[in-house]
């Protein structure tokens, strides 16, 4: 997938600047350039690549109060409202003055993932070599590339060492990858509902989601028209994902067997009849209006291939340089007992490894029933843990 060039054959850096895609709310984000060319973990490179970001608070004179926030698979960098985009962000209750992530104290930078479609360079971006969208000519990206792109983005903003690197879901894995790849990059780490390696269950799920997209006739081998994307495939993929983001207990308490509102008596006998089906449909519709299918495929595959043990043969070897001999001093690892997409034993493994390499680590098993998405909805539990951790001197 994509053009793979060895370093000695790559072209010189280009000054071309691709078109910048808007966020979900239609606002053109701020971007910073990556080193040009930007080498990729699994081979190849990107030229003229950029990372979209949003920020809150102020960088202090010492430039040592910055937090880098990585997102999950689908969000943009719009984690909270800004002057440029006052719409609520995906983590609005957590970021702001006197909130858990206190912008009176910290300068917070949230980056849109490399490979995504909300301003950062990805398959939907313009290829400087052709003037057309990359589509499947985009080189394969890895979780390591996304983590390093975040590292380079904050360096472009004049930040040499972070106060904290943090993230949730995919972002939780990215924070750990960041620590492994850039041992001096941050003093503290917060990993929420993340994993150090993709599980067989998650790989199996994402393989079916990708197949749904690629089997949609409108996918056209990745060359779908902008006004005719593979909607049916993306709908099925998103519904499958949404089911795994919550727990069976939460589905039962929230919807039970309530009927779909406005259900006609002569409705399709195989159409949706329950409120939970209507919810899945609404979530899928919201997602497919804004998310590029090829970007979805690339990031999904990157998540499958991630295994921290590739770096030295074990999790401990991968993080050793960040611990006793590196710059990582403290860590907070949060997991949710009802999460079956990223089971809590995966967060426990991260916490145990950090402890083994000498990082003072707090691991919390949260009893929320909201499953993997708990960090987005069970705000009081996450607020208390993150607030206490970040309030430490």
Protein backbone atom coordinates (compact mmCIF):
# COMPACT_ATOMS: atom_id res chain seq x y z
CA UNK A 1 0.00 0.00 0.00
CA UNK A 2 1.58 3.25 -1.11
CA UNK A 3 4.94 4.20 -2.51
CA UNK A 4 7.81 2.80 -0.51
CA UNK A 5 11.13 4.48 -1.23
CA UNK A 6 14.38 3.82 0.52
CA UNK A 7 15.97 6.85 2.16
CA UNK A 8 18.71 7.09 -0.47
CA UNK A 9 16.13 7.33 -3.28
CA UNK A 10 13.81 9.89 -1.74
CA UNK A 11 13.49 13.24 -3.51
CA UNK A 12 14.65 16.53 -2.06
CA UNK A 13 12.40 18.49 0.24
CA UNK A 14 9.62 20.43 -1.48
CA UNK A 15 8.07 23.76 -0.62
CA UNK A 16 4.63 22.66 -1.81
CA UNK A 17 1.90 23.21 0.77
CA UNK A 18 -1.18 21.01 0.44
CA UNK A 19 -4.74 22.19 0.83
CA UNK A 20 -5.86 22.18 4.46
CA UNK A 21 -9.09 20.31 5.20
CA UNK A 22 -11.58 21.80 7.67
CA UNK A 23 -12.53 20.23 10.98
CA UNK A 24 -15.95 18.63 11.57
CA UNK A 25 -17.37 22.09 12.25
CA UNK A 26 -16.01 23.57 9.02
CA UNK A 27 -13.23 25.66 10.60
CA UNK A 28 -9.82 25.64 8.93
CA UNK A 29 -7.38 24.59 11.68
CA UNK A 30 -3.92 25.88 12.47
CA UNK A 31 -1.16 23.61 11.17
CA UNK A 32 2.58 23.17 11.61
CA UNK A 33 4.99 21.52 9.16
CA UNK A 34 6.72 18.24 9.84
CA UNK A 35 10.38 17.75 8.90
CA UNK A 36 10.55 17.46 5.13
CA UNK A 37 10.83 14.68 4.17
CA UNK A 38 9.23 12.94 7.13
CA UNK A 39 10.45 9.30 7.35
CA UNK A 40 7.91 6.60 8.17
CA UNK A 41 8.33 3.68 10.55
CA UNK A 42 7.46 0.97 8.03
CA UNK A 43 9.37 2.53 5.17
CA UNK A 44 8.81 5.44 2.83
CA UNK A 45 8.42 9.10 3.57
CA UNK A 46 6.09 12.07 3.30
CA UNK A 47 6.97 15.42 1.79
CA UNK A 48 5.42 18.73 2.82
CA UNK A 49 3.37 17.03 5.53
CA UNK A 50 1.55 19.09 8.13
CA UNK A 51 -0.18 18.46 11.44
CA UNK A 52 -3.35 20.29 12.45
CA UNK A 53 -3.69 21.34 16.06
CA UNK A 54 -5.71 23.44 18.47
CA UNK A 55 -4.45 24.94 21.72
CA UNK A 56 -5.67 26.40 25.00
CA UNK A 57 -3.90 28.37 27.72
CA UNK A 58 -0.49 30.02 27.41
CA UNK A 59 3.01 28.67 27.10
CA UNK A 60 5.08 30.03 29.99
CA UNK A 61 8.45 31.72 29.66
CA UNK A 62 10.31 28.51 30.54
CA UNK A 63 8.27 26.60 27.93
CA UNK A 64 7.83 23.75 30.38
CA UNK A 65 4.07 23.79 31.05
CA UNK A 66 2.83 22.15 27.83
CA UNK A 67 0.50 19.17 27.58
CA UNK A 68 0.30 17.22 24.32
CA UNK A 69 -3.09 15.54 23.88
CA UNK A 70 -3.56 12.70 21.38
CA UNK A 71 -7.06 11.74 20.20
CA UNK A 72 -8.82 8.49 19.44
CA UNK A 73 -9.44 7.21 15.93
CA UNK A 74 -12.21 9.53 14.85
CA UNK A 75 -11.98 12.97 16.55
CA UNK A 76 -10.31 16.08 15.23
CA UNK A 77 -8.07 18.30 17.35
CA UNK A 78 -11.15 20.22 18.51
CA UNK A 79 -11.14 18.93 22.09
CA UNK A 80 -12.65 22.12 23.51
CA UNK A 81 -14.04 25.44 22.33
CA UNK A 82 -11.65 28.12 21.09
CA UNK A 83 -12.04 31.70 19.93
CA UNK A 84 -11.78 30.51 16.33
CA UNK A 85 -14.27 27.68 16.87
CA UNK A 86 -16.60 28.24 19.85
CA UNK A 87 -18.52 24.99 19.31
CA UNK A 88 -18.09 22.49 22.19
CA UNK A 89 -15.22 20.05 21.71
CA UNK A 90 -15.16 16.30 22.28
CA UNK A 91 -13.63 16.75 25.78
CA UNK A 92 -15.22 20.10 26.59
CA UNK A 93 -15.87 19.41 30.32
CA UNK A 94 -12.22 18.52 30.93
CA UNK A 95 -10.22 21.37 29.37
CA UNK A 96 -10.37 24.97 30.53
CA UNK A 97 -9.69 27.36 33.41
CA UNK A 98 -9.95 25.54 36.76
CA UNK A 99 -11.05 22.31 35.05
CA UNK A 100 -9.20 19.01 35.40
CA UNK A 101 -6.83 20.00 32.60
CA UNK A 102 -6.40 23.51 33.92
CA UNK A 103 -5.52 26.04 31.24
CA UNK A 104 -4.66 28.59 33.92
CA UNK A 105 -1.66 26.39 34.61
CA UNK A 106 -1.02 24.42 31.42
CA UNK A 107 -0.63 25.16 27.73
CA UNK A 108 -2.63 22.36 26.08
CA UNK A 109 -2.01 21.28 22.48
CA UNK A 110 -4.29 18.70 20.87
CA UNK A 111 -3.11 17.32 17.53
CA UNK A 112 -5.12 15.74 14.76
CA UNK A 113 -3.51 12.41 13.91
CA UNK A 114 -1.24 12.06 10.91
CA UNK A 115 -3.34 10.15 8.37
CA UNK A 116 -6.63 11.64 9.54
CA UNK A 117 -8.87 13.97 7.56
CA UNK A 118 -9.27 17.07 9.73
CA UNK A 119 -6.34 19.17 8.60
CA UNK A 120 -3.39 16.82 9.04
CA UNK A 121 -1.81 15.17 6.02
CA UNK A 122 -3.52 11.91 5.11
CA UNK A 123 -4.95 9.90 2.20
CA UNK A 124 -7.52 12.64 1.50
CA UNK A 125 -4.79 15.30 1.18
CA UNK A 126 -3.26 16.52 -2.06
CA UNK A 127 -0.15 14.64 -3.16
CA UNK A 128 2.48 17.28 -4.05
CA UNK A 129 3.89 14.95 -6.72
CA UNK A 130 0.62 14.73 -8.66
CA UNK A 131 -1.64 17.57 -7.57
CA UNK A 132 -4.36 14.96 -6.89
CA UNK A 133 -5.53 13.31 -3.68
CA UNK A 134 -3.19 10.63 -2.37
CA UNK A 135 -5.94 8.07 -1.88
CA UNK A 136 -4.24 4.63 -1.81
CA UNK A 137 -0.93 6.09 -2.99
CA UNK A 138 -0.52 7.37 0.55
CA UNK A 139 2.26 5.34 2.20
CA UNK A 140 1.46 3.03 5.07
CA UNK A 141 1.52 4.79 8.41
CA UNK A 142 2.08 3.32 11.86
CA UNK A 143 1.11 4.34 15.38
CA UNK A 144 4.79 5.21 15.77
CA UNK A 145 4.50 7.76 12.94
CA UNK A 146 1.49 9.42 14.53
CA UNK A 147 3.31 9.64 17.86
CA UNK A 148 6.45 11.09 16.25
CA UNK A 149 4.35 13.56 14.27
CA UNK A 150 2.95 14.83 17.58
CA UNK A 151 6.49 15.12 18.93
CA UNK A 152 7.58 17.13 15.89
CA UNK A 153 4.46 19.30 16.02
CA UNK A 154 5.17 20.55 19.53
CA UNK A 155 8.83 21.07 18.64
CA UNK A 156 7.65 23.27 15.77
CA UNK A 157 5.78 25.27 18.41
CA UNK A 158 9.03 25.79 20.34
CA UNK A 159 8.48 23.11 23.01
CA UNK A 160 11.47 20.88 23.68
CA UNK A 161 10.07 18.89 26.60
CA UNK A 162 6.46 18.41 27.61
CA UNK A 163 5.08 18.61 31.10
CA UNK A 164 2.64 15.83 30.14
CA UNK A 165 1.86 13.62 27.16
CA UNK A 166 -1.63 12.15 27.32
CA UNK A 167 -4.30 10.47 25.27
CA UNK A 168 -7.33 8.20 25.32
CA UNK A 169 -8.19 5.09 23.29
CA UNK A 170 -5.83 5.20 20.30
CA UNK A 171 -4.45 8.28 22.04
CA UNK A 172 -3.60 6.17 25.09
CA UNK A 173 -1.49 3.91 22.88
CA UNK A 174 0.05 6.96 21.22
CA UNK A 175 1.13 8.40 24.56
CA UNK A 176 2.94 5.14 25.38
CA UNK A 177 4.52 4.99 21.90
CA UNK A 178 5.63 8.61 22.35
CA UNK A 179 7.40 7.70 25.61
CA UNK A 180 9.15 4.74 23.97
CA UNK A 181 10.30 6.68 20.91
CA UNK A 182 11.16 9.97 22.63
CA UNK A 183 12.41 9.13 26.14
CA UNK A 184 13.21 12.75 27.00
CA UNK A 185 10.04 14.11 25.42
CA UNK A 186 7.83 14.40 28.51
CA UNK A 187 8.10 14.44 32.30
CA UNK A 188 4.72 12.80 32.91
CA UNK A 189 2.36 10.49 31.03
CA UNK A 190 -1.39 9.86 31.15
CA UNK A 191 -2.67 6.83 29.25
CA UNK A 192 -6.45 6.30 29.24
CA UNK A 193 -8.13 3.14 27.95
CA UNK A 194 -5.15 2.39 25.71
CA UNK A 195 -3.16 -0.69 24.80
CA UNK A 196 0.47 -1.55 24.20
CA UNK A 197 -0.51 -3.98 21.41
CA UNK A 198 -3.64 -4.64 19.40
CA UNK A 199 -5.59 -7.63 20.75
CA UNK A 200 -6.91 -10.43 18.52
CA UNK A 201 -10.46 -9.29 19.30
CA UNK A 202 -9.77 -5.70 18.21
CA UNK A 203 -7.94 -6.88 15.09
CA UNK A 204 -10.84 -9.16 14.15
CA UNK A 205 -13.37 -6.38 14.66
CA UNK A 206 -11.46 -3.83 12.62
CA UNK A 207 -10.84 -6.33 9.82
CA UNK A 208 -14.63 -6.74 9.42
CA UNK A 209 -15.12 -2.96 9.55
CA UNK A 210 -12.57 -2.45 6.77
CA UNK A 211 -14.11 -5.25 4.73
CA UNK A 212 -17.51 -3.58 4.98
CA UNK A 213 -16.04 -0.38 3.51
CA UNK A 214 -14.04 -2.07 0.77
CA UNK A 215 -16.93 -4.33 -0.30
CA UNK A 216 -19.18 -1.33 -0.84
CA UNK A 217 -19.37 -0.86 -4.66
CA UNK A 218 -19.04 2.89 -4.17
CA UNK A 219 -15.58 2.49 -2.65
CA UNK A 220 -14.24 2.03 -6.20
CA UNK A 221 -10.87 0.70 -5.08
CA UNK A 222 -10.33 3.86 -3.04
CA UNK A 223 -11.20 6.20 -5.93
CA UNK A 224 -14.72 7.10 -4.87
CA UNK A 225 -16.24 10.42 -5.87
CA UNK A 226 -16.37 13.11 -3.21
CA UNK A 227 -20.14 13.23 -3.54
CA UNK A 228 -20.57 9.44 -3.59
CA UNK A 229 -18.45 7.81 -0.86
CA UNK A 230 -19.06 4.23 0.30
CA UNK A 231 -21.83 5.26 2.68
CA UNK A 232 -23.29 1.80 3.24
CA UNK A 233 -19.91 0.29 4.11
CA UNK A 234 -18.99 3.17 6.40
CA UNK A 235 -22.39 2.92 8.08
CA UNK A 236 -21.93 -0.75 8.91
CA UNK A 237 -18.35 -0.15 10.06
CA UNK A 238 -19.37 2.66 12.39
CA UNK A 239 -22.30 0.74 13.82
CA UNK A 240 -20.02 -2.18 14.64
CA UNK A 241 -17.59 0.14 16.34
CA UNK A 242 -20.29 1.97 18.30
CA UNK A 243 -21.59 -1.32 19.70
CA UNK A 244 -18.15 -2.04 21.17
CA UNK A 245 -17.69 1.45 22.62
CA UNK A 246 -20.25 0.81 25.38
CA UNK A 247 -21.03 -2.14 27.66
CA UNK A 248 -23.99 -4.51 27.51
CA UNK A 249 -25.09 -3.19 30.90
CA UNK A 250 -25.12 0.38 29.63
CA UNK A 251 -27.07 -0.58 26.49
CA UNK A 252 -29.66 -2.36 28.63
CA UNK A 253 -30.06 0.48 31.12
CA UNK A 254 -30.12 3.17 28.46
CA UNK A 255 -32.42 1.61 25.87
CA UNK A 256 -33.88 -1.65 27.12
CA UNK A 257 -36.37 -2.87 24.53
CA UNK A 258 -37.88 0.54 23.91
CA UNK A 259 -39.42 0.83 20.44
CA UNK A 260 -38.15 3.23 17.83
CA UNK A 261 -39.99 6.53 18.07
CA UNK A 262 -42.40 7.14 15.21
CA UNK A 263 -42.32 3.55 13.98
CA UNK A 264 -45.03 3.11 11.32
CA UNK A 265 -47.27 0.07 11.48
CA UNK A 266 -46.56 -0.75 7.84
CA UNK A 267 -42.81 -0.31 8.18
CA UNK A 268 -40.25 -2.60 6.55
CA UNK A 269 -40.48 -5.94 8.40
CA UNK A 270 -36.68 -6.11 8.47
CA UNK A 271 -36.09 -2.45 9.18
CA UNK A 272 -35.18 -0.94 12.57
CA UNK A 273 -37.83 -1.38 15.26
CA UNK A 274 -35.95 -0.56 18.47
CA UNK A 275 -34.62 2.69 19.90
CA UNK A 276 -31.10 1.25 20.12
CA UNK A 277 -31.16 0.68 16.34
CA UNK A 278 -32.16 4.29 15.77
CA UNK A 279 -29.27 5.42 17.97
CA UNK A 280 -26.77 3.37 15.95
CA UNK A 281 -28.15 4.82 12.73
CA UNK A 282 -27.82 8.38 14.02
CA UNK A 283 -24.25 7.81 15.20
CA UNK A 284 -23.27 6.32 11.86
CA UNK A 285 -24.87 9.15 9.89
CA UNK A 286 -23.04 11.75 11.96
CA UNK A 287 -19.73 9.97 11.39
CA UNK A 288 -19.96 9.37 7.65
CA UNK A 289 -20.88 12.99 6.96
CA UNK A 290 -17.42 14.13 8.03
CA UNK A 291 -14.95 11.22 7.94
CA UNK A 292 -13.00 10.15 4.87
CA UNK A 293 -13.21 6.38 4.20
CA UNK A 294 -9.61 5.95 3.08
CA UNK A 295 -8.34 7.77 6.17
CA UNK A 296 -10.47 5.40 8.23
CA UNK A 297 -8.88 2.36 6.54
CA UNK A 298 -5.33 3.61 7.01
CA UNK A 299 -5.70 4.46 10.70
CA UNK A 300 -7.60 1.26 11.42
CA UNK A 301 -4.79 -0.81 9.91
CA UNK A 302 -2.15 1.18 11.80
CA UNK A 303 -3.91 0.33 15.06
CA UNK A 304 -3.93 -3.39 14.19
CA UNK A 305 -0.20 -3.49 13.53
CA UNK A 306 0.88 -1.68 16.68
CA UNK A 307 2.91 -3.75 19.14
CA UNK A 308 5.16 -1.93 21.58
CA UNK A 309 7.27 -5.09 21.94
CA UNK A 310 8.61 -4.53 18.41
CA UNK A 311 10.92 -2.01 20.08
CA UNK A 312 13.44 -4.21 21.82
CA UNK A 313 11.51 -7.45 22.14
CA UNK A 314 9.30 -6.62 25.14
CA UNK A 315 7.25 -3.81 26.63
CA UNK A 316 9.89 -3.34 29.30
CA UNK A 317 12.70 -3.05 26.78
CA UNK A 318 10.68 -0.55 24.76
CA UNK A 319 10.14 1.76 27.73
CA UNK A 320 13.45 1.22 29.53
CA UNK A 321 15.03 4.36 28.11
CA UNK A 322 12.08 6.45 29.32
CA UNK A 323 12.28 5.14 32.86
CA UNK A 324 15.42 4.92 34.96
CA UNK A 325 17.65 6.56 32.37
CA UNK A 326 15.09 8.81 30.70
CA UNK A 327 12.96 11.81 31.44
CA UNK A 328 9.65 10.18 32.35
CA UNK A 329 9.08 10.67 36.07
CA UNK A 330 5.41 9.93 36.76
CA UNK A 331 2.52 8.21 35.01
CA UNK A 332 -1.22 7.81 35.43
CA UNK A 333 -2.88 4.85 33.71
CA UNK A 334 -6.68 4.65 33.70
CA UNK A 335 -8.84 1.73 32.61
CA UNK A 336 -12.54 0.88 32.79
CA UNK A 337 -13.72 -2.45 34.13
CA UNK A 338 -16.56 -2.74 31.59
CA UNK A 339 -14.38 -1.98 28.54
CA UNK A 340 -14.26 -5.06 26.31
CA UNK A 341 -12.73 -3.33 23.28
CA UNK A 342 -9.60 -2.37 25.25
CA UNK A 343 -9.90 -4.69 28.28
CA UNK A 344 -8.55 -3.42 31.56
CA UNK A 345 -5.77 -6.00 31.68
CA UNK A 346 -4.21 -4.10 28.75
CA UNK A 347 -3.98 -0.93 30.83
CA UNK A 348 -2.70 -2.99 33.75
CA UNK A 349 0.13 -4.25 31.53
CA UNK A 350 1.10 -0.68 30.64
CA UNK A 351 1.11 0.36 34.29
CA UNK A 352 3.11 -2.68 35.38
CA UNK A 353 5.72 -2.05 32.69
CA UNK A 354 6.11 1.59 33.67
CA UNK A 355 6.60 0.57 37.28
CA UNK A 356 9.20 -2.01 36.24
CA UNK A 357 11.30 0.60 34.43
CA UNK A 358 11.27 2.97 37.39
CA UNK A 359 8.42 5.36 36.60
CA UNK A 360 6.24 6.23 39.59
CA UNK A 361 2.90 5.02 38.31
CA UNK A 362 -0.68 5.24 39.56
CA UNK A 363 -3.07 2.68 38.02
CA UNK A 364 -6.80 3.08 38.54
CA UNK A 365 -9.53 0.56 37.63
CA UNK A 366 -12.67 2.65 37.18
CA UNK A 367 -16.03 0.89 37.77
CA UNK A 368 -17.94 2.81 35.12
CA UNK A 369 -20.59 0.91 33.13
CA UNK A 370 -20.02 3.08 30.01
CA UNK A 371 -17.33 0.80 28.58
CA UNK A 372 -14.64 2.11 26.28
CA UNK A 373 -16.35 5.48 25.80
CA UNK A 374 -16.49 6.15 29.54
CA UNK A 375 -13.80 8.83 29.32
CA UNK A 376 -16.18 10.86 27.15
CA UNK A 377 -19.30 10.50 29.29
CA UNK A 378 -18.44 9.47 32.86
CA UNK A 379 -16.69 12.78 33.41
CA UNK A 380 -16.73 12.90 37.25
CA UNK A 381 -14.62 9.73 37.61
CA UNK A 382 -12.05 10.82 35.04
CA UNK A 383 -12.07 14.42 36.25
CA UNK A 384 -11.15 13.36 39.79
CA UNK A 385 -8.24 11.15 38.73
CA UNK A 386 -6.76 13.48 36.13
CA UNK A 387 -7.27 16.60 38.26
CA UNK A 388 -5.43 15.04 41.22
CA UNK A 389 -2.57 13.83 39.03
CA UNK A 390 -2.04 17.10 37.15
CA UNK A 391 -2.35 19.18 40.34
CA UNK A 392 0.83 17.62 41.71
CA UNK A 393 3.87 19.88 41.62
